[in-house]
Amino acid sequence: MLNGILKKVLFVLVVVVIFQNWGKIERVLNPSGVVSEQTRASARVVLYSTEWCGYCKATRRFLG
């Protein structure tokens, strides 16, 4: 009886771990979906912000 319960608990734990790491698993199975570093470097970002917002200032500094 205890053996059956442990198998069910282990199964649930495995399902939860797979669910939490699905993004990593998907990148391993489908590497073509990964954005190249060159594409990432040439991407344009439009930032709509205000002068008085501290978060906007931090984001401007982060984006360079």
PDB file of N, CA and C in Angstrom:
ATOM      1  N   MET A   1       0.823  -1.193   0.000  1.00  0.00           N
ATOM      2  CA  MET A   1       0.000   0.000   0.000  1.00  0.00           C
ATOM      3  C   MET A   1       0.863   1.252   0.000  1.00  0.00           C
ATOM      4  N   LEU A   2       1.871   1.283   0.849  1.00  0.00           N
ATOM      5  CA  LEU A   2       2.749   2.448   0.927  1.00  0.00           C
ATOM      6  C   LEU A   2       3.525   2.623  -0.375  1.00  0.00           C
ATOM      7  N   ASN A   3       3.869   1.519  -1.007  1.00  0.00           N
ATOM      8  CA  ASN A   3       4.604   1.569  -2.267  1.00  0.00           C
ATOM      9  C   ASN A   3       3.777   2.256  -3.356  1.00  0.00           C
ATOM     10  N   GLY A   4       2.486   1.985  -3.408  1.00  0.00           N
ATOM     11  CA  GLY A   4       1.598   2.605  -4.393  1.00  0.00           C
ATOM     12  C   GLY A   4       1.457   4.097  -4.169  1.00  0.00           C
ATOM     13  N   ILE A   5       1.379   4.505  -2.907  1.00  0.00           N
ATOM     14  CA  ILE A   5       1.265   5.928  -2.581  1.00  0.00           C
ATOM     15  C   ILE A   5       2.544   6.664  -2.968  1.00  0.00           C
ATOM     16  N   LEU A   6       3.692   6.053  -2.690  1.00  0.00           N
ATOM     17  CA  LEU A   6       4.965   6.681  -3.038  1.00  0.00           C
ATOM     18  C   LEU A   6       5.115   6.843  -4.550  1.00  0.00           C
ATOM     19  N   LYS A   7       4.632   5.869  -5.315  1.00  0.00           N
ATOM     20  CA  LYS A   7       4.686   5.975  -6.769  1.00  0.00           C
ATOM     21  C   LYS A   7       3.826   7.137  -7.257  1.00  0.00           C
ATOM     22  N   LYS A   8       2.655   7.308  -6.666  1.00  0.00           N
ATOM     23  CA  LYS A   8       1.775   8.413  -7.057  1.00  0.00           C
ATOM     24  C   LYS A   8       2.390   9.759  -6.704  1.00  0.00           C
ATOM     25  N   VAL A   9       2.982   9.853  -5.518  1.00  0.00           N
ATOM     26  CA  VAL A   9       3.618  11.105  -5.097  1.00  0.00           C
ATOM     27  C   VAL A   9       4.797  11.420  -6.011  1.00  0.00           C
ATOM     28  N   LEU A  10       5.600  10.429  -6.333  1.00  0.00           N
ATOM     29  CA  LEU A  10       6.731  10.623  -7.230  1.00  0.00           C
ATOM     30  C   LEU A  10       6.259  11.066  -8.610  1.00  0.00           C
ATOM     31  N   PHE A  11       5.194  10.476  -9.103  1.00  0.00           N
ATOM     32  CA  PHE A  11       4.638  10.859 -10.400  1.00  0.00           C
ATOM     33  C   PHE A  11       4.190  12.313 -10.395  1.00  0.00           C
ATOM     34  N   VAL A  12       3.502  12.723  -9.343  1.00  0.00           N
ATOM     35  CA  VAL A  12       3.043  14.113  -9.234  1.00  0.00           C
ATOM     36  C   VAL A  12       4.236  15.063  -9.183  1.00  0.00           C
ATOM     37  N   LEU A  13       5.269  14.712  -8.436  1.00  0.00           N
ATOM     38  CA  LEU A  13       6.463  15.550  -8.358  1.00  0.00           C
ATOM     39  C   LEU A  13       7.139  15.687  -9.721  1.00  0.00           C
ATOM     40  N   VAL A  14       7.234  14.601 -10.456  1.00  0.00           N
ATOM     41  CA  VAL A  14       7.841  14.651 -11.789  1.00  0.00           C
ATOM     42  C   VAL A  14       7.022  15.545 -12.714  1.00  0.00           C
ATOM     43  N   VAL A  15       5.717  15.438 -12.666  1.00  0.00           N
ATOM     44  CA  VAL A  15       4.854  16.277 -13.501  1.00  0.00           C
ATOM     45  C   VAL A  15       5.032  17.750 -13.144  1.00  0.00           C
ATOM     46  N   VAL A  16       5.105  18.068 -11.867  1.00  0.00           N
ATOM     47  CA  VAL A  16       5.279  19.458 -11.437  1.00  0.00           C
ATOM     48  C   VAL A  16       6.627  20.003 -11.901  1.00  0.00           C
ATOM     49  N   VAL A  17       7.679  19.224 -11.762  1.00  0.00           N
ATOM     50  CA  VAL A  17       9.013  19.671 -12.193  1.00  0.00           C
ATOM     51  C   VAL A  17       9.046  19.892 -13.702  1.00  0.00           C
ATOM     52  N   ILE A  18       8.450  19.001 -14.455  1.00  0.00           N
ATOM     53  CA  ILE A  18       8.395  19.176 -15.913  1.00  0.00           C
ATOM     54  C   ILE A  18       7.603  20.425 -16.264  1.00  0.00           C
ATOM     55  N   PHE A  19       6.497  20.656 -15.593  1.00  0.00           N
ATOM     56  CA  PHE A  19       5.672  21.833 -15.862  1.00  0.00           C
ATOM     57  C   PHE A  19       6.436  23.119 -15.564  1.00  0.00           C
ATOM     58  N   GLN A  20       7.170  23.153 -14.462  1.00  0.00           N
ATOM     59  CA  GLN A  20       7.906  24.354 -14.078  1.00  0.00           C
ATOM     60  C   GLN A  20       9.073  24.645 -15.011  1.00  0.00           C
ATOM     61  N   ASN A  21       9.648  23.633 -15.611  1.00  0.00           N
ATOM     62  CA  ASN A  21      10.808  23.815 -16.483  1.00  0.00           C
ATOM     63  C   ASN A  21      10.477  23.617 -17.957  1.00  0.00           C
ATOM     64  N   TRP A  22       9.222  23.776 -18.333  1.00  0.00           N
ATOM     65  CA  TRP A  22       8.822  23.498 -19.705  1.00  0.00           C
ATOM     66  C   TRP A  22       9.530  24.411 -20.701  1.00  0.00           C
ATOM     67  N   GLY A  23       9.794  25.661 -20.348  1.00  0.00           N
ATOM     68  CA  GLY A  23      10.493  26.568 -21.253  1.00  0.00           C
ATOM     69  C   GLY A  23      11.884  26.075 -21.588  1.00  0.00           C
ATOM     70  N   LYS A  24      12.598  25.591 -20.587  1.00  0.00           N
ATOM     71  CA  LYS A  24      13.945  25.061 -20.816  1.00  0.00           C
ATOM     72  C   LYS A  24      13.888  23.790 -21.658  1.00  0.00           C
ATOM     73  N   ILE A  25      12.928  22.944 -21.380  1.00  0.00           N
ATOM     74  CA  ILE A  25      12.786  21.696 -22.132  1.00  0.00           C
ATOM     75  C   ILE A  25      12.453  22.000 -23.588  1.00  0.00           C
ATOM     76  N   GLU A  26      11.584  22.972 -23.808  1.00  0.00           N
ATOM     77  CA  GLU A  26      11.191  23.326 -25.171  1.00  0.00           C
ATOM     78  C   GLU A  26      12.373  23.879 -25.965  1.00  0.00           C
ATOM     79  N   ARG A  27      13.235  24.680 -25.317  1.00  0.00           N
ATOM     80  CA  ARG A  27      14.421  25.202 -26.005  1.00  0.00           C
ATOM     81  C   ARG A  27      15.383  24.085 -26.396  1.00  0.00           C
ATOM     82  N   VAL A  28      15.480  23.046 -25.581  1.00  0.00           N
ATOM     83  CA  VAL A  28      16.356  21.917 -25.916  1.00  0.00           C
ATOM     84  C   VAL A  28      15.779  21.123 -27.083  1.00  0.00           C
ATOM     85  N   LEU A  29      14.467  20.924 -27.089  1.00  0.00           N
ATOM     86  CA  LEU A  29      13.828  20.138 -28.139  1.00  0.00           C
ATOM     87  C   LEU A  29      13.690  20.904 -29.447  1.00  0.00           C
ATOM     88  N   ASN A  30      13.581  22.243 -29.385  1.00  0.00           N
ATOM     89  CA  ASN A  30      13.372  23.063 -30.571  1.00  0.00           C
ATOM     90  C   ASN A  30      14.351  24.236 -30.558  1.00  0.00           C
ATOM     91  N   PRO A  31      15.623  24.003 -30.868  1.00  0.00           N
ATOM     92  CA  PRO A  31      16.616  25.081 -30.776  1.00  0.00           C
ATOM     93  C   PRO A  31      16.476  26.145 -31.854  1.00  0.00           C
ATOM     94  N   SER A  32      15.734  25.900 -32.924  1.00  0.00           N
ATOM     95  CA  SER A  32      15.589  26.891 -33.985  1.00  0.00           C
ATOM     96  C   SER A  32      14.787  28.099 -33.517  1.00  0.00           C
ATOM     97  N   GLY A  33      14.018  27.967 -32.473  1.00  0.00           N
ATOM     98  CA  GLY A  33      13.232  29.077 -31.966  1.00  0.00           C
ATOM     99  C   GLY A  33      14.027  30.058 -31.131  1.00  0.00           C
ATOM    100  N   VAL A  34      15.277  29.746 -30.854  1.00  0.00           N
ATOM    101  CA  VAL A  34      16.110  30.613 -30.035  1.00  0.00           C
ATOM    102  C   VAL A  34      16.584  31.784 -30.891  1.00  0.00           C
ATOM    103  N   VAL A  35      16.472  32.985 -30.342  1.00  0.00           N
ATOM    104  CA  VAL A  35      16.876  34.185 -31.061  1.00  0.00           C
ATOM    105  C   VAL A  35      18.393  34.310 -31.009  1.00  0.00           C
ATOM    106  N   SER A  36      18.996  34.571 -32.159  1.00  0.00           N
ATOM    107  CA  SER A  36      20.454  34.682 -32.204  1.00  0.00           C
ATOM    108  C   SER A  36      20.911  35.973 -31.532  1.00  0.00           C
ATOM    109  N   GLU A  37      22.166  36.010 -31.141  1.00  0.00           N
ATOM    110  CA  GLU A  37      22.731  37.187 -30.475  1.00  0.00           C
ATOM    111  C   GLU A  37      22.766  38.377 -31.428  1.00  0.00           C
ATOM    112  N   GLN A  38      23.004  38.145 -32.709  1.00  0.00           N
ATOM    113  CA  GLN A  38      23.038  39.225 -33.690  1.00  0.00           C
ATOM    114  C   GLN A  38      21.654  39.850 -33.841  1.00  0.00           C
ATOM    115  N   THR A  39      20.625  39.029 -33.885  1.00  0.00           N
ATOM    116  CA  THR A  39      19.262  39.543 -33.979  1.00  0.00           C
ATOM    117  C   THR A  39      18.904  40.327 -32.735  1.00  0.00           C
ATOM    118  N   ARG A  40      19.305  39.831 -31.598  1.00  0.00           N
ATOM    119  CA  ARG A  40      19.016  40.501 -30.341  1.00  0.00           C
ATOM    120  C   ARG A  40      19.731  41.853 -30.260  1.00  0.00           C
ATOM    121  N   ALA A  41      20.969  41.931 -30.781  1.00  0.00           N
ATOM    122  CA  ALA A  41      21.749  43.166 -30.730  1.00  0.00           C
ATOM    123  C   ALA A  41      21.188  44.224 -31.669  1.00  0.00           C
ATOM    124  N   SER A  42      20.595  43.815 -32.778  1.00  0.00           N
ATOM    125  CA  SER A  42      20.077  44.781 -33.747  1.00  0.00           C
ATOM    126  C   SER A  42      18.608  45.129 -33.512  1.00  0.00           C
ATOM    127  N   ALA A  43      17.991  44.567 -32.509  1.00  0.00           N
ATOM    128  CA  ALA A  43      16.578  44.841 -32.232  1.00  0.00           C
ATOM    129  C   ALA A  43      16.404  46.264 -31.710  1.00  0.00           C
ATOM    130  N   ARG A  44      15.331  46.902 -32.133  1.00  0.00           N
ATOM    131  CA  ARG A  44      15.028  48.259 -31.673  1.00  0.00           C
ATOM    132  C   ARG A  44      13.960  48.194 -30.589  1.00  0.00           C
ATOM    133  N   VAL A  45      14.135  49.042 -29.584  1.00  0.00           N
ATOM    134  CA  VAL A  45      13.180  49.114 -28.489  1.00  0.00           C
ATOM    135  C   VAL A  45      12.697  50.547 -28.384  1.00  0.00           C
ATOM    136  N   VAL A  46      11.383  50.735 -28.347  1.00  0.00           N
ATOM    137  CA  VAL A  46      10.807  52.060 -28.155  1.00  0.00           C
ATOM    138  C   VAL A  46      10.333  52.131 -26.716  1.00  0.00           C
ATOM    139  N   LEU A  47      10.860  53.107 -25.972  1.00  0.00           N
ATOM    140  CA  LEU A  47      10.508  53.266 -24.566  1.00  0.00           C
ATOM    141  C   LEU A  47       9.693  54.536 -24.404  1.00  0.00           C
ATOM    142  N   TYR A  48       8.460  54.396 -23.999  1.00  0.00           N
ATOM    143  CA  TYR A  48       7.610  55.537 -23.694  1.00  0.00           C
ATOM    144  C   TYR A  48       7.730  55.790 -22.202  1.00  0.00           C
ATOM    145  N   SER A  49       8.194  56.989 -21.847  1.00  0.00           N
ATOM    146  CA  SER A  49       8.466  57.249 -20.435  1.00  0.00           C
ATOM    147  C   SER A  49       8.214  58.712 -20.103  1.00  0.00           C
ATOM    148  N   THR A  50       8.349  59.011 -18.822  1.00  0.00           N
ATOM    149  CA  THR A  50       8.250  60.388 -18.340  1.00  0.00           C
ATOM    150  C   THR A  50       9.578  60.772 -17.707  1.00  0.00           C
ATOM    151  N   GLU A  51       9.771  62.070 -17.516  1.00  0.00           N
ATOM    152  CA  GLU A  51      11.015  62.555 -16.915  1.00  0.00           C
ATOM    153  C   GLU A  51      11.039  62.329 -15.405  1.00  0.00           C
ATOM    154  N   TRP A  52       9.868  62.334 -14.769  1.00  0.00           N
ATOM    155  CA  TRP A  52       9.814  62.288 -13.312  1.00  0.00           C
ATOM    156  C   TRP A  52       9.742  60.868 -12.746  1.00  0.00           C
ATOM    157  N   CYS A  53       9.560  59.869 -13.582  1.00  0.00           N
ATOM    158  CA  CYS A  53       9.376  58.490 -13.115  1.00  0.00           C
ATOM    159  C   CYS A  53      10.730  57.830 -12.838  1.00  0.00           C
ATOM    160  N   GLY A  54      10.917  57.352 -11.626  1.00  0.00           N
ATOM    161  CA  GLY A  54      12.162  56.681 -11.262  1.00  0.00           C
ATOM    162  C   GLY A  54      12.373  55.369 -12.000  1.00  0.00           C
ATOM    163  N   TYR A  55      11.301  54.624 -12.225  1.00  0.00           N
ATOM    164  CA  TYR A  55      11.410  53.367 -12.965  1.00  0.00           C
ATOM    165  C   TYR A  55      11.801  53.628 -14.421  1.00  0.00           C
ATOM    166  N   CYS A  56      11.262  54.697 -14.991  1.00  0.00           N
ATOM    167  CA  CYS A  56      11.608  55.055 -16.370  1.00  0.00           C
ATOM    168  C   CYS A  56      13.086  55.420 -16.470  1.00  0.00           C
ATOM    169  N   LYS A  57      13.582  56.171 -15.498  1.00  0.00           N
ATOM    170  CA  LYS A  57      15.001  56.550 -15.496  1.00  0.00           C
ATOM    171  C   LYS A  57      15.886  55.313 -15.390  1.00  0.00           C
ATOM    172  N   ALA A  58      15.517  54.396 -14.526  1.00  0.00           N
ATOM    173  CA  ALA A  58      16.304  53.165 -14.370  1.00  0.00           C
ATOM    174  C   ALA A  58      16.274  52.335 -15.650  1.00  0.00           C
ATOM    175  N   THR A  59      15.133  52.286 -16.308  1.00  0.00           N
ATOM    176  CA  THR A  59      15.018  51.529 -17.554  1.00  0.00           C
ATOM    177  C   THR A  59      15.848  52.174 -18.650  1.00  0.00           C
ATOM    178  N   ARG A  60      15.829  53.519 -18.735  1.00  0.00           N
ATOM    179  CA  ARG A  60      16.653  54.219 -19.720  1.00  0.00           C
ATOM    180  C   ARG A  60      18.133  53.916 -19.508  1.00  0.00           C
ATOM    181  N   ARG A  61      18.567  53.915 -18.248  1.00  0.00           N
ATOM    182  CA  ARG A  61      19.965  53.600 -17.948  1.00  0.00           C
ATOM    183  C   ARG A  61      20.287  52.156 -18.322  1.00  0.00           C
ATOM    184  N   PHE A  62      19.352  51.245 -18.059  1.00  0.00           N
ATOM    185  CA  PHE A  62      19.567  49.830 -18.358  1.00  0.00           C
ATOM    186  C   PHE A  62      19.690  49.589 -19.862  1.00  0.00           C
ATOM    187  N   LEU A  63      18.837  50.255 -20.639  1.00  0.00           N
ATOM    188  CA  LEU A  63      18.846  50.059 -22.085  1.00  0.00           C
ATOM    189  C   LEU A  63      19.966  50.828 -22.774  1.00  0.00           C
ATOM    190  N   GLY A  64      20.584  51.743 -22.063  1.00  0.00           N
ATOM    191  CA  GLY A  64      21.746  52.446 -22.614  1.00  0.00           C
ATOM    192  C   GLY A  64      21.337  53.638 -23.373  1.00  0.00           C
TER     193      GLY A  64
END
